[in-house]
N, C-alpha and C. Protein backbone atom coordinates (compact mmCIF):
# COMPACT_ATOMS: atom_id res chain seq x y z
N MET A 1 77.32 61.80 44.78
CA MET A 1 76.92 60.48 45.22
C MET A 1 78.05 59.51 44.91
N ALA A 2 78.31 58.57 45.82
CA ALA A 2 79.37 57.59 45.64
C ALA A 2 79.00 56.59 44.58
N LYS A 3 80.02 56.13 43.85
CA LYS A 3 79.80 55.14 42.80
C LYS A 3 79.73 53.76 43.42
N THR A 4 79.00 52.86 42.76
CA THR A 4 78.94 51.47 43.21
C THR A 4 80.18 50.75 42.72
N LYS A 5 80.39 49.53 43.19
CA LYS A 5 81.56 48.76 42.78
C LYS A 5 81.57 48.55 41.28
N GLU A 6 80.38 48.32 40.67
CA GLU A 6 80.30 48.10 39.23
C GLU A 6 80.71 49.36 38.46
N GLU A 7 80.48 50.53 39.04
CA GLU A 7 80.81 51.79 38.37
C GLU A 7 82.25 52.21 38.64
N GLY A 8 83.00 51.41 39.38
CA GLY A 8 84.40 51.73 39.66
C GLY A 8 84.59 52.52 40.94
N GLY A 9 83.61 52.52 41.82
CA GLY A 9 83.70 53.26 43.08
C GLY A 9 84.40 52.49 44.16
N ASN A 10 84.62 53.10 45.28
CA ASN A 10 85.28 52.48 46.41
C ASN A 10 84.22 52.01 47.39
N VAL A 11 83.98 50.69 47.42
CA VAL A 11 82.94 50.13 48.28
C VAL A 11 83.39 50.15 49.74
N GLU A 12 84.69 49.99 50.00
CA GLU A 12 85.21 49.99 51.36
C GLU A 12 85.00 51.35 52.02
N ASN A 13 85.21 52.43 51.27
CA ASN A 13 85.12 53.78 51.82
C ASN A 13 84.38 54.65 50.80
N PRO A 14 83.05 54.65 50.82
CA PRO A 14 82.29 55.33 49.78
C PRO A 14 82.52 56.84 49.72
N GLY A 15 82.92 57.47 50.80
CA GLY A 15 83.16 58.90 50.77
C GLY A 15 84.49 59.28 50.15
N ALA A 16 85.36 58.31 49.92
CA ALA A 16 86.70 58.60 49.39
C ALA A 16 86.62 59.23 48.01
N ASP A 17 85.70 58.75 47.17
CA ASP A 17 85.58 59.31 45.82
C ASP A 17 85.17 60.78 45.89
N GLN A 18 84.26 61.12 46.75
CA GLN A 18 83.79 62.49 46.87
C GLN A 18 84.92 63.39 47.39
N ARG A 19 85.70 62.91 48.36
CA ARG A 19 86.80 63.72 48.90
C ARG A 19 87.85 63.98 47.84
N SER A 20 88.17 62.99 47.02
CA SER A 20 89.19 63.19 45.99
C SER A 20 88.72 64.20 44.96
N VAL A 21 87.43 64.20 44.63
CA VAL A 21 86.90 65.19 43.69
C VAL A 21 86.97 66.58 44.30
N THR A 22 86.62 66.69 45.58
CA THR A 22 86.65 67.98 46.25
C THR A 22 88.07 68.51 46.32
N LYS A 23 89.03 67.67 46.70
CA LYS A 23 90.42 68.11 46.79
C LYS A 23 90.94 68.54 45.43
N ALA A 24 90.63 67.80 44.39
CA ALA A 24 91.12 68.13 43.05
C ALA A 24 90.54 69.44 42.55
N SER A 25 89.33 69.76 42.95
CA SER A 25 88.69 70.97 42.44
C SER A 25 89.04 72.22 43.24
N GLU A 26 89.75 72.08 44.36
CA GLU A 26 90.07 73.25 45.18
C GLU A 26 91.08 74.17 44.52
N GLY A 27 91.96 73.64 43.68
CA GLY A 27 92.91 74.47 42.99
C GLY A 27 94.07 74.94 43.84
N ASN A 28 94.38 74.25 44.90
CA ASN A 28 95.51 74.63 45.76
C ASN A 28 96.73 73.81 45.39
N SER A 29 97.34 74.12 44.26
CA SER A 29 98.55 73.43 43.88
C SER A 29 99.67 73.90 44.81
N PRO A 30 100.75 73.14 44.91
CA PRO A 30 101.84 73.53 45.81
C PRO A 30 102.37 74.94 45.52
N SER A 31 102.48 75.32 44.27
CA SER A 31 103.01 76.65 43.96
C SER A 31 102.02 77.74 44.38
N ARG A 32 100.73 77.47 44.27
CA ARG A 32 99.73 78.45 44.70
C ARG A 32 99.77 78.64 46.22
N ARG A 33 99.93 77.53 46.96
CA ARG A 33 100.04 77.62 48.41
C ARG A 33 101.30 78.39 48.79
N THR A 34 102.40 78.17 48.07
CA THR A 34 103.65 78.87 48.35
C THR A 34 103.49 80.35 48.12
N GLN A 35 102.79 80.75 47.06
CA GLN A 35 102.56 82.16 46.78
C GLN A 35 101.75 82.79 47.89
N LYS A 36 100.71 82.09 48.35
CA LYS A 36 99.89 82.61 49.44
C LYS A 36 100.72 82.76 50.71
N TYR A 37 101.55 81.77 51.01
CA TYR A 37 102.39 81.83 52.20
C TYR A 37 103.38 82.98 52.10
N ASP A 38 104.01 83.14 50.94
CA ASP A 38 104.97 84.22 50.76
C ASP A 38 104.31 85.58 50.96
N LEU A 39 103.10 85.75 50.45
CA LEU A 39 102.38 87.01 50.63
C LEU A 39 102.05 87.23 52.10
N LEU A 40 101.59 86.19 52.77
CA LEU A 40 101.28 86.29 54.20
C LEU A 40 102.53 86.62 55.00
N ALA A 41 103.63 85.96 54.70
CA ALA A 41 104.88 86.20 55.43
C ALA A 41 105.36 87.63 55.21
N ALA A 42 105.27 88.14 53.99
CA ALA A 42 105.69 89.51 53.70
C ALA A 42 104.80 90.51 54.44
N THR A 43 103.51 90.24 54.49
CA THR A 43 102.57 91.13 55.19
C THR A 43 102.88 91.15 56.68
N GLN A 44 103.08 89.98 57.27
CA GLN A 44 103.38 89.89 58.70
C GLN A 44 104.70 90.58 59.01
N CYS A 45 105.68 90.41 58.14
CA CYS A 45 106.99 91.03 58.34
C CYS A 45 106.86 92.55 58.31
N ALA A 46 106.08 93.07 57.37
CA ALA A 46 105.87 94.52 57.28
C ALA A 46 105.15 95.04 58.52
N ARG A 47 104.15 94.32 58.99
CA ARG A 47 103.42 94.74 60.19
C ARG A 47 104.34 94.75 61.41
N THR A 48 105.15 93.71 61.54
CA THR A 48 106.06 93.62 62.67
C THR A 48 107.07 94.76 62.63
N GLY A 49 107.58 95.06 61.45
CA GLY A 49 108.53 96.16 61.30
C GLY A 49 107.92 97.50 61.69
N ARG A 50 106.68 97.74 61.27
CA ARG A 50 106.00 98.99 61.62
C ARG A 50 105.78 99.09 63.13
N TYR A 51 105.41 97.97 63.75
CA TYR A 51 105.19 97.97 65.19
C TYR A 51 106.50 98.25 65.93
N LEU A 52 107.58 97.62 65.52
CA LEU A 52 108.86 97.85 66.19
C LEU A 52 109.33 99.29 66.01
N ASP A 53 109.09 99.87 64.84
CA ASP A 53 109.43 101.28 64.64
C ASP A 53 108.65 102.16 65.61
N PHE A 54 107.37 101.88 65.75
CA PHE A 54 106.53 102.64 66.69
C PHE A 54 107.02 102.44 68.12
N TYR A 55 107.21 101.19 68.51
CA TYR A 55 107.55 100.88 69.91
C TYR A 55 108.90 101.46 70.30
N ASN A 56 109.87 101.37 69.42
CA ASN A 56 111.22 101.83 69.76
C ASN A 56 111.48 103.29 69.41
N GLY A 57 110.76 103.83 68.44
CA GLY A 57 111.08 105.17 67.97
C GLY A 57 110.13 106.26 68.36
N ARG A 58 108.88 105.94 68.66
CA ARG A 58 107.90 106.99 68.92
C ARG A 58 107.18 106.86 70.26
N ARG A 59 107.19 105.71 70.86
CA ARG A 59 106.44 105.49 72.11
C ARG A 59 107.33 105.76 73.30
N PRO A 60 107.01 106.78 74.10
CA PRO A 60 107.83 107.03 75.29
C PRO A 60 107.64 105.94 76.35
N HIS A 61 108.71 105.61 77.03
CA HIS A 61 108.68 104.57 78.05
C HIS A 61 108.92 105.20 79.42
N SER A 62 108.07 104.86 80.36
CA SER A 62 108.21 105.44 81.70
C SER A 62 109.50 104.99 82.38
N SER A 63 109.95 103.78 82.09
CA SER A 63 111.18 103.29 82.72
C SER A 63 112.42 103.97 82.16
N LEU A 64 112.27 104.69 81.05
CA LEU A 64 113.40 105.42 80.46
C LEU A 64 113.21 106.93 80.62
N ASP A 65 112.50 107.32 81.66
CA ASP A 65 112.23 108.74 81.96
C ASP A 65 111.53 109.46 80.81
N GLY A 66 110.59 108.79 80.18
CA GLY A 66 109.79 109.41 79.13
C GLY A 66 110.45 109.49 77.77
N THR A 67 111.59 108.88 77.61
CA THR A 67 112.24 108.87 76.29
C THR A 67 111.91 107.56 75.59
N THR A 68 112.17 107.53 74.31
CA THR A 68 111.97 106.30 73.55
C THR A 68 113.23 105.45 73.67
N PRO A 69 113.13 104.15 73.43
CA PRO A 69 114.34 103.32 73.47
C PRO A 69 115.41 103.80 72.48
N ASP A 70 114.99 104.24 71.31
CA ASP A 70 115.98 104.75 70.34
C ASP A 70 116.72 105.96 70.91
N GLN A 71 116.00 106.86 71.55
CA GLN A 71 116.65 108.03 72.14
C GLN A 71 117.57 107.61 73.28
N ALA A 72 117.13 106.68 74.09
CA ALA A 72 117.91 106.27 75.25
C ALA A 72 119.19 105.54 74.87
N TYR A 73 119.13 104.71 73.84
CA TYR A 73 120.29 103.88 73.52
C TYR A 73 121.17 104.42 72.41
N PHE A 74 120.66 105.31 71.57
CA PHE A 74 121.46 105.79 70.45
C PHE A 74 121.92 107.23 70.61
N THR A 75 121.52 107.89 71.68
CA THR A 75 122.01 109.24 71.95
C THR A 75 123.36 109.12 72.65
N PRO A 76 124.37 109.78 72.11
CA PRO A 76 125.69 109.67 72.75
C PRO A 76 125.66 110.26 74.16
N LEU A 77 126.37 109.62 75.04
CA LEU A 77 126.49 110.09 76.41
C LEU A 77 127.38 111.32 76.46
N PRO A 78 127.11 112.24 77.39
CA PRO A 78 127.99 113.41 77.50
C PRO A 78 129.39 113.00 77.93
N ILE A 79 130.35 113.68 77.38
CA ILE A 79 131.74 113.38 77.72
C ILE A 79 132.10 114.12 79.00
N ARG A 80 132.60 113.41 79.96
CA ARG A 80 133.00 114.03 81.24
C ARG A 80 134.46 114.42 81.14
N MET A 81 134.73 115.61 81.59
CA MET A 81 136.11 116.09 81.59
C MET A 81 136.80 115.61 82.89
N ALA A 82 138.02 115.31 82.78
CA ALA A 82 138.78 114.92 83.96
C ALA A 82 139.00 116.13 84.86
N ALA A 83 139.04 115.88 86.12
CA ALA A 83 139.20 116.98 87.06
C ALA A 83 140.63 117.45 87.17
């Protein structure tokens, strides 16, 4: 419940006191948010890396005659002998 002016509350915006209490009790300090973000970023990076490994290394592509991009681009081309 909002405090009255006599109790030191904000008469202009009675909900302001409640919001400040809620924000203070959430426990999301800047360092805690940074830790959560770092964990999320690391997780997303790992997922992206696994997907790229699958897409380029194990998934055959019809436009590459059924080979994977890794096979198509990293397999040395045969050496042609001069006639």
